[in-house]
Amino acid sequence: MSTIFCRYRVAGESESRVGLVTEGRSVIDLREAGVRTLTELLEDEMELVRVTEWAQQGSHPELTLADVTLLPPVERQEVWAAGVTYLRSKKARMEESDHNASAYDRVYDAPRPELFFKSMPEKVVGPNDFVGIRRDAGWNVPEPELALIINSQGQLRGYTIGNDMSSRDIEGENTLYLPQAKIYDRSCALGPWMVVGATEEEAREWEIGVSIERGGEEVFCGSTKVGQIKRTFDELMGYLLRSQTFPHGVILFTGTGVVPEDSFTLQQHDIVRMKISGIGVLENQVTVV
């Protein structure tokens, strides 16, 4: 059985809190249980069990989601990403640049996956915040992804939804421009919360999709199954953790299988809604950065 934890803030306070999200989508403040950070739950499995049992026992004051501002489920964790893990992603990356096509073809079939740094934690945006498109790019797209939440010991502890915003024309011009296409202000969104307790087998049954609204009308929608990811979660994590340490843990995007057609690009004020059936919905509005 999955449990949902969130980071949030209440009106008039600058400090973040940690909460347990109930089936009725209200929030139980975990300060009474002695929990101040999500990292505490990620690092100590027994603490995770204790807090879950505590929340299930007796009655606790609850806040509605309307009463809180949800924050991204990241604290001091770096954010990394895996690329070309879906066949559709491979085809899209090959289509965006003829002279780089063979690199994406090879990495899809290679033993070693593509892994790249995405964001420092303080630059991640959360639910209902603004995601950015580069002002010097003309072809910008969202990339809906399942994100793995991993603790400092390299153990998978939970899942969330990630938006790996990308400037496809910059990356397509030259593969060496990948960091500029992927890493810029407001290029990384996570949320709405962290789901704990689902196995990889269960997660692979989840549907992942995105819809984009412009001026009140839907201009794109698409979906796929998490199970279409070619590589196992252990495989992706294993390569990320080779010759690497993450003292505060790490969040790993697992790639995208939903890619808008080549003629589509995001515009300012677009609304991007990403949904993973086992997690929820991550919604953001687009702005130019």
Protein backbone atom coordinates (compact mmCIF):
# COMPACT_ATOMS: atom_id res chain seq x y z
CA MET A 1 0.00 0.00 0.00
CA SER A 2 1.36 3.41 -1.01
CA THR A 3 1.70 6.38 1.32
CA ILE A 4 1.90 9.99 0.17
CA PHE A 5 4.11 12.62 1.82
CA CYS A 6 4.39 16.26 0.85
CA ARG A 7 6.29 19.45 1.59
CA TYR A 8 4.09 22.48 2.07
CA ARG A 9 3.78 25.94 3.49
CA VAL A 10 0.84 27.63 5.17
CA ALA A 11 -0.10 31.26 4.61
CA GLY A 12 1.90 33.73 6.67
CA GLU A 13 4.83 31.35 7.28
CA SER A 14 8.17 31.14 5.49
CA GLU A 15 9.17 27.78 6.91
CA SER A 16 8.23 24.58 5.11
CA ARG A 17 6.44 21.69 6.79
CA VAL A 18 6.12 17.97 6.04
CA GLY A 19 2.72 16.35 5.81
CA LEU A 20 1.04 13.04 5.12
CA VAL A 21 -1.63 13.27 2.43
CA THR A 22 -4.74 11.26 3.29
CA GLU A 23 -7.01 9.38 0.90
CA GLY A 24 -9.41 12.29 1.14
CA ARG A 25 -6.61 14.59 -0.01
CA SER A 26 -6.21 16.46 3.25
CA VAL A 27 -2.84 16.98 4.93
CA ILE A 28 -1.78 15.78 8.40
CA ASP A 29 1.00 17.95 9.82
CA LEU A 30 3.87 15.66 10.87
CA ARG A 31 5.47 18.09 13.30
CA GLU A 32 3.50 16.39 16.10
CA ALA A 33 5.25 13.16 15.11
CA GLY A 34 8.62 14.90 15.30
CA VAL A 35 9.23 15.05 11.55
CA ARG A 36 10.68 18.24 10.12
CA THR A 37 12.05 17.12 6.75
CA LEU A 38 11.29 14.60 4.03
CA THR A 39 14.94 13.55 4.14
CA GLU A 40 14.41 12.06 7.61
CA LEU A 41 11.84 9.69 6.10
CA LEU A 42 14.04 8.85 3.12
CA GLU A 43 17.05 7.96 5.23
CA ASP A 44 15.39 5.86 7.96
CA GLU A 45 12.95 3.14 6.91
CA MET A 46 11.90 2.50 10.50
CA GLU A 47 11.07 6.19 10.89
CA LEU A 48 8.95 5.95 7.77
CA VAL A 49 7.03 3.02 9.25
CA ARG A 50 6.66 4.74 12.64
CA VAL A 51 5.26 7.93 11.14
CA THR A 52 2.84 6.05 8.90
CA GLU A 53 1.52 4.08 11.86
CA TRP A 54 1.31 7.22 13.97
CA ALA A 55 -0.82 8.94 11.33
CA GLN A 56 -3.18 5.96 11.17
CA GLN A 57 -3.74 5.90 14.91
CA GLY A 58 -6.23 8.27 16.45
CA SER A 59 -7.40 11.60 15.16
CA HIS A 60 -5.05 14.35 13.99
CA PRO A 61 -5.73 17.92 12.87
CA GLU A 62 -5.91 18.12 9.10
CA LEU A 63 -5.56 20.87 6.54
CA THR A 64 -7.23 20.85 3.14
CA LEU A 65 -5.04 21.14 0.07
CA ALA A 66 -6.73 24.45 -0.60
CA ASP A 67 -5.29 25.76 2.68
CA VAL A 68 -1.66 25.01 1.83
CA THR A 69 0.93 25.78 -0.82
CA LEU A 70 2.54 22.58 -2.02
CA LEU A 71 6.31 22.72 -2.44
CA PRO A 72 8.48 20.44 -4.59
CA PRO A 73 9.40 17.19 -2.79
CA VAL A 74 13.11 18.01 -2.78
CA GLU A 75 15.27 19.48 -0.04
CA ARG A 76 19.05 19.11 -0.46
CA GLN A 77 18.98 16.43 -3.15
CA GLU A 78 20.58 17.02 -6.55
CA VAL A 79 18.39 16.28 -9.56
CA TRP A 80 19.72 14.13 -12.42
CA ALA A 81 18.08 12.72 -15.52
CA ALA A 82 18.29 9.73 -17.85
CA GLY A 83 17.74 10.27 -21.55
CA VAL A 84 16.65 8.14 -24.51
CA THR A 85 15.05 5.45 -22.35
CA TYR A 86 11.85 5.22 -24.43
CA LEU A 87 11.82 4.27 -28.11
CA ARG A 88 9.67 7.36 -28.86
CA SER A 89 12.26 9.57 -27.20
CA LYS A 90 15.02 8.04 -29.32
CA LYS A 91 13.09 8.73 -32.50
CA ALA A 92 12.30 12.32 -31.45
CA ARG A 93 15.91 13.09 -30.56
CA MET A 94 17.05 11.64 -33.91
CA GLU A 95 14.44 13.69 -35.79
CA GLU A 96 15.49 16.97 -34.18
CA SER A 97 19.00 16.73 -35.63
CA ASP A 98 20.19 14.70 -38.59
CA HIS A 99 23.88 15.00 -37.83
CA ASN A 100 23.40 13.88 -34.21
CA ALA A 101 20.98 11.04 -35.00
CA SER A 102 23.46 8.20 -34.73
CA ALA A 103 24.48 9.22 -31.20
CA TYR A 104 20.91 8.82 -29.93
CA ASP A 105 20.49 5.57 -31.84
CA ARG A 106 23.63 4.15 -30.25
CA VAL A 107 22.86 5.25 -26.68
CA TYR A 108 19.40 3.66 -26.77
CA ASP A 109 20.97 0.26 -27.47
CA ALA A 110 24.19 0.70 -25.49
CA PRO A 111 24.81 -0.94 -22.10
CA ARG A 112 25.56 2.47 -20.55
CA PRO A 113 22.57 4.86 -20.39
CA GLU A 114 22.67 8.59 -21.01
CA LEU A 115 22.76 10.40 -17.66
CA PHE A 116 23.05 14.13 -17.13
CA PHE A 117 22.80 16.67 -14.34
CA LYS A 118 19.50 18.58 -14.32
CA SER A 119 19.18 20.92 -11.34
CA MET A 120 20.31 22.00 -7.92
CA PRO A 121 17.50 21.62 -5.37
CA GLU A 122 17.04 25.33 -4.78
CA LYS A 123 16.28 25.87 -8.49
CA VAL A 124 13.47 23.28 -8.69
CA VAL A 125 9.95 24.67 -9.04
CA GLY A 126 6.89 23.02 -7.53
CA PRO A 127 3.18 22.60 -8.27
CA ASN A 128 1.38 25.68 -9.64
CA ASP A 129 4.67 27.56 -9.98
CA PHE A 130 6.05 28.85 -13.29
CA VAL A 131 8.19 26.70 -15.58
CA GLY A 132 10.44 28.46 -18.05
CA ILE A 133 11.15 28.50 -21.76
CA ARG A 134 14.39 30.06 -22.95
CA ARG A 135 14.08 33.43 -24.67
CA ASP A 136 16.90 32.44 -27.07
CA ALA A 137 15.19 29.20 -28.18
CA GLY A 138 12.40 28.72 -30.69
CA TRP A 139 11.44 25.10 -30.05
CA ASN A 140 10.57 24.40 -26.40
CA VAL A 141 8.72 21.38 -25.06
CA PRO A 142 7.79 19.83 -21.69
CA GLU A 143 8.87 16.27 -20.96
CA PRO A 144 6.69 14.33 -18.47
CA GLU A 145 8.72 11.82 -16.52
CA LEU A 146 8.55 9.48 -13.57
CA ALA A 147 11.19 10.63 -11.08
CA LEU A 148 12.86 8.26 -8.62
CA ILE A 149 13.62 9.57 -5.13
CA ILE A 150 16.80 7.91 -3.84
CA ASN A 151 18.41 8.26 -0.41
CA SER A 152 22.10 8.71 0.42
CA GLN A 153 22.56 4.94 0.66
CA GLY A 154 21.42 4.50 -2.93
CA GLN A 155 18.03 3.03 -1.99
CA LEU A 156 14.87 3.85 -3.94
CA ARG A 157 12.46 5.38 -1.44
CA GLY A 158 9.72 7.01 -3.48
CA TYR A 159 8.38 8.47 -6.69
CA THR A 160 7.19 11.83 -7.94
CA ILE A 161 6.34 13.52 -11.25
CA GLY A 162 9.06 15.45 -13.07
CA ASN A 163 8.96 17.97 -15.91
CA ASP A 164 12.27 18.02 -17.77
CA MET A 165 11.79 21.22 -19.78
CA SER A 166 13.85 21.15 -22.98
CA SER A 167 14.89 23.48 -25.79
CA ARG A 168 14.97 21.03 -28.67
CA ASP A 169 16.42 23.38 -31.27
CA ILE A 170 19.45 24.13 -29.10
CA GLU A 171 20.12 20.45 -28.42
CA GLY A 172 19.44 19.59 -32.05
CA GLU A 173 22.03 22.08 -33.28
CA ASN A 174 24.80 20.23 -31.47
CA THR A 175 24.76 17.50 -28.80
CA LEU A 176 27.41 19.46 -26.88
CA TYR A 177 24.75 22.10 -26.26
CA LEU A 178 22.70 19.64 -24.16
CA PRO A 179 23.37 21.47 -20.84
CA GLN A 180 22.07 24.74 -22.32
CA ALA A 181 19.00 22.97 -23.68
CA LYS A 182 18.26 21.31 -20.34
CA ILE A 183 19.65 23.48 -17.54
CA TYR A 184 18.39 27.02 -17.09
CA ASP A 185 16.10 28.96 -14.74
CA ARG A 186 12.78 27.17 -14.09
CA SER A 187 13.69 24.23 -16.33
CA CYS A 188 12.94 21.60 -13.69
CA ALA A 189 9.59 21.00 -11.96
CA LEU A 190 8.75 18.29 -9.41
CA GLY A 191 5.58 17.36 -7.56
CA PRO A 192 2.96 17.40 -6.38
CA TRP A 193 4.29 15.06 -3.65
CA MET A 194 6.23 11.88 -2.94
CA VAL A 195 4.61 8.43 -3.18
CA VAL A 196 6.21 5.75 -0.99
CA GLY A 197 5.63 2.00 -0.94
CA ALA A 198 5.03 1.09 -4.61
CA THR A 199 7.26 -1.55 -6.17
CA GLU A 200 8.87 -1.13 -9.59
CA GLU A 201 6.45 -3.73 -10.93
CA GLU A 202 3.52 -1.63 -9.71
CA ALA A 203 5.04 1.62 -10.98
CA ARG A 204 5.51 0.16 -14.46
CA GLU A 205 1.73 -0.27 -14.70
CA TRP A 206 1.16 3.45 -14.22
CA GLU A 207 0.11 5.62 -17.15
CA ILE A 208 2.00 8.84 -17.69
CA GLY A 209 0.68 11.69 -19.77
CA VAL A 210 0.65 15.40 -20.45
CA SER A 211 -1.90 17.91 -21.69
CA ILE A 212 -1.19 21.51 -22.69
CA GLU A 213 -3.81 24.24 -22.56
CA ARG A 214 -3.56 27.52 -24.43
CA GLY A 215 -6.20 30.20 -24.15
CA GLY A 216 -8.61 27.76 -22.55
CA GLU A 217 -8.23 25.14 -25.29
CA GLU A 218 -6.22 21.94 -25.29
CA VAL A 219 -3.48 22.15 -27.94
CA PHE A 220 -1.66 18.90 -27.17
CA CYS A 221 -2.16 15.72 -25.20
CA GLY A 222 -0.39 12.39 -25.14
CA SER A 223 0.29 9.44 -22.88
CA THR A 224 2.28 6.24 -22.51
CA LYS A 225 2.99 3.58 -19.90
CA VAL A 226 5.89 3.76 -17.49
CA GLY A 227 6.47 0.14 -18.48
CA GLN A 228 7.73 1.34 -21.88
CA ILE A 229 10.99 2.43 -20.26
CA LYS A 230 13.62 0.10 -21.69
CA ARG A 231 15.90 -0.06 -18.67
CA THR A 232 15.08 -1.20 -15.13
CA PHE A 233 15.13 1.30 -12.28
CA ASP A 234 18.01 -0.62 -10.67
CA GLU A 235 19.98 -0.37 -13.90
CA LEU A 236 19.53 3.40 -14.14
CA MET A 237 20.30 3.89 -10.46
CA GLY A 238 23.30 1.60 -10.65
CA TYR A 239 24.95 3.64 -13.38
CA LEU A 240 24.13 6.93 -11.65
CA LEU A 241 25.75 5.72 -8.43
CA ARG A 242 28.95 4.47 -10.08
CA SER A 243 31.90 6.52 -8.80
CA GLN A 244 29.37 8.96 -7.34
CA THR A 245 28.21 9.80 -3.84
CA PHE A 246 25.11 11.80 -2.95
CA PRO A 247 25.33 12.69 0.76
CA HIS A 248 21.78 14.08 0.78
CA GLY A 249 20.30 11.64 -1.73
CA VAL A 250 19.36 12.29 -5.34
CA ILE A 251 16.32 12.48 -7.60
CA LEU A 252 16.54 10.77 -10.98
CA PHE A 253 14.26 11.50 -13.95
CA THR A 254 13.71 8.29 -15.93
CA GLY A 255 13.14 9.72 -19.42
CA THR A 256 10.11 10.66 -21.49
CA GLY A 257 7.95 8.72 -23.90
CA VAL A 258 5.53 11.54 -24.73
CA VAL A 259 6.87 14.02 -27.27
CA PRO A 260 4.80 16.69 -29.08
CA GLU A 261 5.02 16.80 -32.86
CA ASP A 262 7.89 18.76 -34.39
CA SER A 263 5.65 21.70 -35.29
CA PHE A 264 4.69 22.31 -31.64
CA THR A 265 6.43 24.68 -29.27
CA LEU A 266 5.37 26.05 -25.89
CA GLN A 267 4.27 29.65 -25.53
CA GLN A 268 4.08 32.02 -22.57
CA HIS A 269 0.96 31.46 -20.42
CA ASP A 270 0.46 27.86 -21.62
CA ILE A 271 -0.75 25.53 -18.85
CA VAL A 272 1.11 22.21 -18.64
CA ARG A 273 -0.58 19.35 -16.76
CA MET A 274 1.33 16.16 -16.20
CA LYS A 275 -0.37 13.11 -14.74
CA ILE A 276 0.92 9.77 -13.52
CA SER A 277 -1.91 7.47 -12.52
CA GLY A 278 -0.23 6.22 -9.34
CA ILE A 279 0.87 9.66 -8.18
CA GLY A 280 -1.36 12.58 -9.19
CA VAL A 281 -1.13 15.75 -11.27
CA LEU A 282 1.67 18.30 -11.60
CA GLU A 283 0.45 21.58 -13.09
CA ASN A 284 2.55 24.59 -14.08
CA GLN A 285 2.18 27.72 -16.17
CA VAL A 286 4.81 28.67 -18.75
CA THR A 287 6.84 31.87 -18.63
CA VAL A 288 9.77 33.18 -20.67
CA VAL A 289 13.15 33.30 -18.90
